[in-house]
Amino acid sequence: MIRDSAKQRPHERLEVWRDAMTLVESIYQITVPFPDSERFGLTMQLRRAAVSVPSNIAEGAARRSTAEYLRFLSMARGSLAEISTQIEIARRLGYLAARDTIEDLVDRNFARLNALIRSLESSPRGVRETHASYESPIPNPQSHAR
């Protein structure tokens, strides 16, 4: 459970981190019915990549420089790309429906993460009072790297 705002750590105030946590929960749920033969294959890969997204966002938010923060956000984006590919593999193998709602959640995470990265890249060097203040509204939630 997320703490009240006065006691939250910097990453817990980020919408992108909260969305990533929702993605982890969803990935765990959709992989439950995967075949037992995939327990140490696709199931584990999807779960590992999903856990990596909010973990890298949190670790980056705890870093002292914007450059380090951006490096961890880039790793989180890479994990999202892994998830996107692994979802497509699961679909092709018949483990997921033709178009699952998980893809909308992945798209939302891409969009929010890209918006945060863009805003940090365009902000003055070293100026980051709170990470939450650098999230910008996303006019097109479907836009992400594909």
N, C-alpha and C. Protein backbone atom coordinates (compact mmCIF):
# COMPACT_ATOMS: atom_id res chain seq x y z
N MET A 1 0.84 -1.19 0.00
CA MET A 1 0.00 0.00 0.00
C MET A 1 0.88 1.24 0.00
N ILE A 2 0.46 2.24 -0.73
CA ILE A 2 1.21 3.49 -0.82
C ILE A 2 0.93 4.33 0.43
N ARG A 3 2.00 4.90 0.98
CA ARG A 3 1.87 5.75 2.17
C ARG A 3 1.20 7.07 1.83
N ASP A 4 0.75 7.78 2.90
CA ASP A 4 0.16 9.10 2.63
C ASP A 4 1.26 10.03 2.11
N SER A 5 0.85 11.06 1.39
CA SER A 5 1.80 11.91 0.65
C SER A 5 2.88 12.53 1.53
N ALA A 6 2.60 12.81 2.78
CA ALA A 6 3.60 13.42 3.66
C ALA A 6 4.75 12.46 3.98
N LYS A 7 4.49 11.17 3.90
CA LYS A 7 5.50 10.17 4.25
C LYS A 7 6.07 9.45 3.04
N GLN A 8 5.66 9.83 1.85
CA GLN A 8 6.11 9.15 0.64
C GLN A 8 7.56 9.48 0.31
N ARG A 9 8.23 8.48 -0.23
CA ARG A 9 9.56 8.70 -0.78
C ARG A 9 9.38 9.38 -2.14
N PRO A 10 10.45 10.01 -2.67
CA PRO A 10 10.29 10.75 -3.94
C PRO A 10 9.69 9.92 -5.07
N HIS A 11 10.12 8.68 -5.24
CA HIS A 11 9.59 7.87 -6.34
C HIS A 11 8.12 7.50 -6.14
N GLU A 12 7.67 7.44 -4.90
CA GLU A 12 6.27 7.09 -4.64
C GLU A 12 5.32 8.21 -5.04
N ARG A 13 5.83 9.41 -5.20
CA ARG A 13 5.01 10.54 -5.65
C ARG A 13 4.88 10.60 -7.17
N LEU A 14 5.65 9.80 -7.87
CA LEU A 14 5.64 9.82 -9.33
C LEU A 14 4.51 8.95 -9.89
N GLU A 15 3.70 9.57 -10.75
CA GLU A 15 2.63 8.80 -11.42
C GLU A 15 3.23 7.66 -12.24
N VAL A 16 4.37 7.90 -12.86
CA VAL A 16 4.99 6.87 -13.70
C VAL A 16 5.39 5.66 -12.85
N TRP A 17 5.82 5.88 -11.64
CA TRP A 17 6.17 4.76 -10.74
C TRP A 17 4.91 4.01 -10.33
N ARG A 18 3.85 4.75 -10.01
CA ARG A 18 2.59 4.10 -9.61
C ARG A 18 2.02 3.28 -10.77
N ASP A 19 2.09 3.82 -11.98
CA ASP A 19 1.64 3.07 -13.16
C ASP A 19 2.48 1.81 -13.35
N ALA A 20 3.77 1.93 -13.13
CA ALA A 20 4.65 0.77 -13.28
C ALA A 20 4.33 -0.30 -12.24
N MET A 21 3.97 0.11 -11.04
CA MET A 21 3.57 -0.85 -10.01
C MET A 21 2.28 -1.58 -10.41
N THR A 22 1.36 -0.85 -11.03
CA THR A 22 0.13 -1.47 -11.54
C THR A 22 0.46 -2.45 -12.64
N LEU A 23 1.42 -2.11 -13.49
CA LEU A 23 1.86 -3.00 -14.55
C LEU A 23 2.41 -4.31 -13.96
N VAL A 24 3.19 -4.22 -12.90
CA VAL A 24 3.74 -5.43 -12.26
C VAL A 24 2.60 -6.33 -11.81
N GLU A 25 1.64 -5.75 -11.13
CA GLU A 25 0.50 -6.55 -10.65
C GLU A 25 -0.22 -7.22 -11.82
N SER A 26 -0.43 -6.48 -12.90
CA SER A 26 -1.12 -7.03 -14.07
C SER A 26 -0.33 -8.15 -14.73
N ILE A 27 0.98 -7.96 -14.84
CA ILE A 27 1.82 -8.99 -15.44
C ILE A 27 1.76 -10.28 -14.61
N TYR A 28 1.84 -10.14 -13.30
CA TYR A 28 1.73 -11.32 -12.45
C TYR A 28 0.39 -12.02 -12.66
N GLN A 29 -0.68 -11.24 -12.78
CA GLN A 29 -2.01 -11.83 -12.97
C GLN A 29 -2.16 -12.53 -14.31
N ILE A 30 -1.66 -11.91 -15.38
CA ILE A 30 -1.86 -12.53 -16.70
C ILE A 30 -0.97 -13.75 -16.91
N THR A 31 0.11 -13.86 -16.15
CA THR A 31 1.00 -15.01 -16.32
C THR A 31 0.60 -16.22 -15.49
N VAL A 32 -0.35 -16.06 -14.58
CA VAL A 32 -0.79 -17.20 -13.76
C VAL A 32 -1.26 -18.37 -14.61
N PRO A 33 -2.09 -18.13 -15.65
CA PRO A 33 -2.55 -19.29 -16.44
C PRO A 33 -1.55 -19.82 -17.48
N PHE A 34 -0.38 -19.21 -17.59
CA PHE A 34 0.61 -19.72 -18.55
C PHE A 34 0.94 -21.17 -18.19
N PRO A 35 1.31 -21.97 -19.18
CA PRO A 35 1.63 -23.38 -18.90
C PRO A 35 2.79 -23.53 -17.91
N ASP A 36 2.76 -24.61 -17.16
CA ASP A 36 3.84 -24.89 -16.22
C ASP A 36 5.20 -24.98 -16.91
N SER A 37 5.18 -25.39 -18.18
CA SER A 37 6.44 -25.48 -18.93
C SER A 37 7.09 -24.13 -19.13
N GLU A 38 6.33 -23.05 -18.93
CA GLU A 38 6.86 -21.69 -19.08
C GLU A 38 7.25 -21.05 -17.75
N ARG A 39 7.13 -21.79 -16.65
CA ARG A 39 7.41 -21.24 -15.33
C ARG A 39 8.79 -20.61 -15.26
N PHE A 40 9.79 -21.25 -15.84
CA PHE A 40 11.15 -20.72 -15.80
C PHE A 40 11.55 -20.08 -17.13
N GLY A 41 10.59 -19.92 -18.01
CA GLY A 41 10.83 -19.29 -19.31
C GLY A 41 10.12 -17.95 -19.40
N LEU A 42 9.09 -17.92 -20.23
CA LEU A 42 8.39 -16.68 -20.51
C LEU A 42 7.75 -16.05 -19.27
N THR A 43 7.19 -16.87 -18.39
CA THR A 43 6.57 -16.33 -17.18
C THR A 43 7.60 -15.58 -16.35
N MET A 44 8.74 -16.19 -16.10
CA MET A 44 9.77 -15.56 -15.29
C MET A 44 10.34 -14.33 -15.99
N GLN A 45 10.54 -14.41 -17.30
CA GLN A 45 11.08 -13.27 -18.05
C GLN A 45 10.15 -12.07 -17.98
N LEU A 46 8.85 -12.30 -18.19
CA LEU A 46 7.88 -11.21 -18.12
C LEU A 46 7.84 -10.59 -16.73
N ARG A 47 7.83 -11.42 -15.72
CA ARG A 47 7.77 -10.92 -14.35
C ARG A 47 9.04 -10.16 -13.97
N ARG A 48 10.18 -10.68 -14.38
CA ARG A 48 11.44 -10.00 -14.08
C ARG A 48 11.51 -8.64 -14.75
N ALA A 49 11.12 -8.58 -16.02
CA ALA A 49 11.13 -7.31 -16.75
C ALA A 49 10.14 -6.32 -16.13
N ALA A 50 8.98 -6.82 -15.71
CA ALA A 50 7.97 -5.94 -15.10
C ALA A 50 8.48 -5.36 -13.78
N VAL A 51 9.08 -6.18 -12.96
CA VAL A 51 9.61 -5.71 -11.67
C VAL A 51 10.74 -4.70 -11.90
N SER A 52 11.46 -4.86 -12.97
CA SER A 52 12.58 -3.97 -13.28
C SER A 52 12.13 -2.53 -13.55
N VAL A 53 10.93 -2.36 -14.09
CA VAL A 53 10.48 -1.01 -14.46
C VAL A 53 10.35 -0.10 -13.23
N PRO A 54 9.49 -0.41 -12.25
CA PRO A 54 9.41 0.49 -11.10
C PRO A 54 10.68 0.49 -10.26
N SER A 55 11.41 -0.61 -10.27
CA SER A 55 12.67 -0.66 -9.51
C SER A 55 13.68 0.33 -10.05
N ASN A 56 13.82 0.40 -11.37
CA ASN A 56 14.75 1.36 -11.97
C ASN A 56 14.28 2.79 -11.81
N ILE A 57 12.97 3.02 -11.88
CA ILE A 57 12.45 4.37 -11.65
C ILE A 57 12.79 4.81 -10.23
N ALA A 58 12.56 3.93 -9.27
CA ALA A 58 12.85 4.24 -7.86
C ALA A 58 14.34 4.47 -7.63
N GLU A 59 15.16 3.61 -8.21
CA GLU A 59 16.61 3.78 -8.01
C GLU A 59 17.10 5.07 -8.65
N GLY A 60 16.59 5.39 -9.83
CA GLY A 60 16.98 6.64 -10.48
C GLY A 60 16.56 7.86 -9.68
N ALA A 61 15.35 7.81 -9.13
CA ALA A 61 14.84 8.94 -8.34
C ALA A 61 15.68 9.17 -7.08
N ALA A 62 16.36 8.13 -6.62
CA ALA A 62 17.19 8.25 -5.41
C ALA A 62 18.60 8.74 -5.72
N ARG A 63 18.94 8.84 -7.01
CA ARG A 63 20.29 9.27 -7.39
C ARG A 63 20.43 10.77 -7.25
N ARG A 64 21.67 11.21 -7.17
CA ARG A 64 21.95 12.62 -6.90
C ARG A 64 22.03 13.49 -8.15
N SER A 65 22.21 12.89 -9.29
CA SER A 65 22.34 13.71 -10.50
C SER A 65 21.26 13.36 -11.51
N THR A 66 20.94 14.34 -12.32
CA THR A 66 19.96 14.13 -13.38
C THR A 66 20.46 13.11 -14.38
N ALA A 67 21.75 13.12 -14.67
CA ALA A 67 22.31 12.16 -15.62
C ALA A 67 22.12 10.72 -15.13
N GLU A 68 22.36 10.50 -13.85
CA GLU A 68 22.14 9.16 -13.28
C GLU A 68 20.67 8.79 -13.32
N TYR A 69 19.82 9.74 -12.97
CA TYR A 69 18.38 9.52 -12.99
C TYR A 69 17.95 9.10 -14.40
N LEU A 70 18.41 9.83 -15.40
CA LEU A 70 18.06 9.52 -16.78
C LEU A 70 18.57 8.15 -17.21
N ARG A 71 19.73 7.75 -16.72
CA ARG A 71 20.26 6.43 -17.05
C ARG A 71 19.33 5.33 -16.54
N PHE A 72 18.83 5.48 -15.32
CA PHE A 72 17.94 4.47 -14.76
C PHE A 72 16.56 4.51 -15.44
N LEU A 73 16.10 5.70 -15.82
CA LEU A 73 14.85 5.79 -16.56
C LEU A 73 14.98 5.12 -17.93
N SER A 74 16.16 5.23 -18.53
CA SER A 74 16.42 4.56 -19.80
C SER A 74 16.37 3.04 -19.64
N MET A 75 16.91 2.55 -18.54
CA MET A 75 16.85 1.10 -18.28
C MET A 75 15.40 0.66 -18.07
N ALA A 76 14.61 1.49 -17.39
CA ALA A 76 13.19 1.17 -17.20
C ALA A 76 12.48 1.10 -18.55
N ARG A 77 12.82 2.04 -19.45
CA ARG A 77 12.22 2.03 -20.78
C ARG A 77 12.64 0.78 -21.56
N GLY A 78 13.88 0.36 -21.39
CA GLY A 78 14.33 -0.88 -22.03
C GLY A 78 13.55 -2.08 -21.53
N SER A 79 13.27 -2.12 -20.23
CA SER A 79 12.47 -3.21 -19.67
C SER A 79 11.05 -3.19 -20.22
N LEU A 80 10.49 -2.00 -20.45
CA LEU A 80 9.17 -1.91 -21.07
C LEU A 80 9.19 -2.47 -22.49
N ALA A 81 10.27 -2.22 -23.22
CA ALA A 81 10.39 -2.78 -24.56
C ALA A 81 10.46 -4.31 -24.51
N GLU A 82 11.17 -4.84 -23.50
CA GLU A 82 11.20 -6.29 -23.31
C GLU A 82 9.80 -6.83 -23.07
N ILE A 83 9.05 -6.17 -22.19
CA ILE A 83 7.70 -6.60 -21.86
C ILE A 83 6.83 -6.61 -23.12
N SER A 84 6.93 -5.55 -23.90
CA SER A 84 6.15 -5.45 -25.13
C SER A 84 6.44 -6.64 -26.06
N THR A 85 7.71 -6.96 -26.21
CA THR A 85 8.11 -8.09 -27.05
C THR A 85 7.62 -9.41 -26.47
N GLN A 86 7.76 -9.58 -25.18
CA GLN A 86 7.36 -10.83 -24.53
C GLN A 86 5.85 -11.03 -24.57
N ILE A 87 5.09 -9.95 -24.50
CA ILE A 87 3.64 -10.04 -24.63
C ILE A 87 3.27 -10.51 -26.03
N GLU A 88 3.98 -9.98 -27.03
CA GLU A 88 3.73 -10.42 -28.41
C GLU A 88 4.07 -11.91 -28.57
N ILE A 89 5.14 -12.36 -27.96
CA ILE A 89 5.51 -13.78 -28.00
C ILE A 89 4.40 -14.62 -27.36
N ALA A 90 3.94 -14.17 -26.18
CA ALA A 90 2.87 -14.90 -25.47
C ALA A 90 1.61 -14.97 -26.33
N ARG A 91 1.29 -13.89 -27.03
CA ARG A 91 0.12 -13.90 -27.90
C ARG A 91 0.30 -14.89 -29.04
N ARG A 92 1.47 -14.85 -29.67
CA ARG A 92 1.73 -15.75 -30.80
C ARG A 92 1.71 -17.22 -30.38
N LEU A 93 2.05 -17.48 -29.13
CA LEU A 93 2.01 -18.85 -28.61
C LEU A 93 0.62 -19.25 -28.10
N GLY A 94 -0.31 -18.30 -28.14
CA GLY A 94 -1.68 -18.59 -27.73
C GLY A 94 -1.93 -18.46 -26.23
N TYR A 95 -1.03 -17.83 -25.50
CA TYR A 95 -1.20 -17.67 -24.06
C TYR A 95 -2.03 -16.44 -23.70
N LEU A 96 -2.15 -15.49 -24.64
CA LEU A 96 -2.92 -14.26 -24.42
C LEU A 96 -3.89 -14.07 -25.58
N ALA A 97 -4.96 -13.32 -25.31
CA ALA A 97 -5.95 -12.99 -26.33
C ALA A 97 -5.31 -12.10 -27.41
N ALA A 98 -5.99 -11.99 -28.53
CA ALA A 98 -5.47 -11.22 -29.67
C ALA A 98 -5.04 -9.82 -29.27
N ARG A 99 -5.85 -9.12 -28.53
CA ARG A 99 -5.47 -7.78 -28.05
C ARG A 99 -5.87 -7.73 -26.58
N ASP A 100 -4.91 -7.79 -25.72
CA ASP A 100 -5.16 -7.81 -24.29
C ASP A 100 -5.03 -6.41 -23.72
N THR A 101 -5.73 -6.11 -22.64
CA THR A 101 -5.67 -4.78 -22.02
C THR A 101 -4.29 -4.48 -21.45
N ILE A 102 -3.46 -5.49 -21.29
CA ILE A 102 -2.10 -5.26 -20.77
C ILE A 102 -1.32 -4.35 -21.70
N GLU A 103 -1.62 -4.42 -22.99
CA GLU A 103 -0.92 -3.56 -23.94
C GLU A 103 -1.24 -2.09 -23.73
N ASP A 104 -2.47 -1.79 -23.34
CA ASP A 104 -2.83 -0.40 -23.04
C ASP A 104 -2.03 0.10 -21.84
N LEU A 105 -1.84 -0.76 -20.87
CA LEU A 105 -1.06 -0.39 -19.69
C LEU A 105 0.41 -0.19 -20.04
N VAL A 106 0.95 -1.03 -20.92
CA VAL A 106 2.33 -0.86 -21.39
C VAL A 106 2.45 0.46 -22.15
N ASP A 107 1.48 0.76 -23.01
CA ASP A 107 1.50 2.02 -23.77
C ASP A 107 1.48 3.22 -22.82
N ARG A 108 0.65 3.15 -21.80
CA ARG A 108 0.56 4.25 -20.82
C ARG A 108 1.89 4.43 -20.10
N ASN A 109 2.54 3.31 -19.73
CA ASN A 109 3.83 3.39 -19.06
C ASN A 109 4.89 3.99 -19.97
N PHE A 110 4.90 3.59 -21.24
CA PHE A 110 5.84 4.18 -22.20
C PHE A 110 5.63 5.68 -22.29
N ALA A 111 4.38 6.10 -22.44
CA ALA A 111 4.08 7.52 -22.61
C ALA A 111 4.51 8.33 -21.39
N ARG A 112 4.18 7.86 -20.21
CA ARG A 112 4.54 8.60 -18.99
C ARG A 112 6.06 8.63 -18.79
N LEU A 113 6.70 7.52 -19.03
CA LEU A 113 8.15 7.45 -18.86
C LEU A 113 8.85 8.36 -19.87
N ASN A 114 8.40 8.33 -21.11
CA ASN A 114 8.98 9.22 -22.13
C ASN A 114 8.77 10.68 -21.78
N ALA A 115 7.60 11.03 -21.24
CA ALA A 115 7.34 12.42 -20.85
C ALA A 115 8.27 12.85 -19.72
N LEU A 116 8.49 11.97 -18.76
CA LEU A 116 9.40 12.30 -17.66
C LEU A 116 10.83 12.46 -18.18
N ILE A 117 11.26 11.58 -19.04
CA ILE A 117 12.61 11.67 -19.62
C ILE A 117 12.77 12.98 -20.40
N ARG A 118 11.78 13.31 -21.24
CA ARG A 118 11.86 14.56 -22.01
C ARG A 118 11.93 15.77 -21.10
N SER A 119 11.13 15.76 -20.04
CA SER A 119 11.12 16.93 -19.15
C SER A 119 12.44 17.05 -18.38
N LEU A 120 13.03 15.94 -18.00
CA LEU A 120 14.32 16.00 -17.31
C LEU A 120 15.43 16.44 -18.26
N GLU A 121 15.37 15.97 -19.51
CA GLU A 121 16.38 16.36 -20.49
C GLU A 121 16.30 17.84 -20.83
N SER A 122 15.12 18.42 -20.74
CA SER A 122 14.97 19.83 -21.09
C SER A 122 15.10 20.75 -19.88
N SER A 123 15.20 20.19 -18.68
CA SER A 123 15.31 21.04 -17.48
C SER A 123 16.76 21.48 -17.30
N PRO A 124 16.96 22.60 -16.61
CA PRO A 124 18.33 23.07 -16.35
C PRO A 124 19.12 22.02 -15.58
N ARG A 125 20.39 21.90 -15.89
CA ARG A 125 21.24 20.91 -15.22
C ARG A 125 21.23 21.10 -13.71
N GLY A 126 21.08 19.96 -13.03
CA GLY A 126 21.19 19.96 -11.58
C GLY A 126 20.01 20.52 -10.83
N VAL A 127 18.99 21.02 -11.56
CA VAL A 127 17.84 21.60 -10.87
C VAL A 127 16.74 20.54 -10.82
N ARG A 128 16.51 20.01 -9.62
CA ARG A 128 15.44 19.02 -9.41
C ARG A 128 15.01 19.11 -7.96
N GLU A 129 14.11 20.00 -7.66
CA GLU A 129 13.67 20.11 -6.27
C GLU A 129 12.88 18.89 -5.87
N THR A 130 11.88 18.53 -6.68
CA THR A 130 11.16 17.28 -6.46
C THR A 130 10.98 16.64 -7.82
N HIS A 131 11.10 15.34 -7.87
CA HIS A 131 10.97 14.62 -9.12
C HIS A 131 9.55 14.74 -9.66
N ALA A 132 8.58 14.77 -8.78
CA ALA A 132 7.18 14.81 -9.21
C ALA A 132 6.88 16.06 -10.02
N SER A 133 7.56 17.15 -9.73
CA SER A 133 7.28 18.40 -10.42
C SER A 133 7.71 18.36 -11.88
N TYR A 134 8.50 17.39 -12.27
CA TYR A 134 8.96 17.32 -13.65
C TYR A 134 8.09 16.46 -14.55
N GLU A 135 7.05 15.84 -14.01
CA GLU A 135 6.15 15.09 -14.86
C GLU A 135 5.23 16.06 -15.58
N SER A 136 5.11 15.88 -16.86
CA SER A 136 4.25 16.77 -17.62
C SER A 136 3.00 16.02 -18.04
N PRO A 137 1.92 16.75 -18.29
CA PRO A 137 0.72 16.08 -18.77
C PRO A 137 1.00 15.46 -20.14
N ILE A 138 0.36 14.39 -20.44
CA ILE A 138 0.60 13.69 -21.69
C ILE A 138 -0.59 13.89 -22.62
N PRO A 139 -0.40 14.67 -23.68
CA PRO A 139 -1.52 14.93 -24.58
C PRO A 139 -1.92 13.70 -25.37
N ASN A 140 -1.00 12.83 -25.66
CA ASN A 140 -1.30 11.64 -26.45
C ASN A 140 -0.77 10.41 -25.72
N PRO A 141 -1.60 9.74 -24.91
CA PRO A 141 -1.12 8.61 -24.12
C PRO A 141 -0.71 7.41 -24.97
N GLN A 142 -1.03 7.43 -26.25
CA GLN A 142 -0.64 6.32 -27.10
C GLN A 142 0.77 6.47 -27.68
N SER A 143 1.37 7.65 -27.48
CA SER A 143 2.69 7.88 -28.07
C SER A 143 3.77 7.22 -27.22
N HIS A 144 4.53 6.39 -27.84
CA HIS A 144 5.69 5.77 -27.20
C HIS A 144 6.60 5.20 -28.28
N ALA A 145 7.77 4.81 -27.85
CA ALA A 145 8.74 4.30 -28.82
C ALA A 145 8.29 2.93 -29.32
N ARG A 146 8.11 2.80 -30.60
CA ARG A 146 7.78 1.51 -31.20
C ARG A 146 8.61 1.29 -32.40
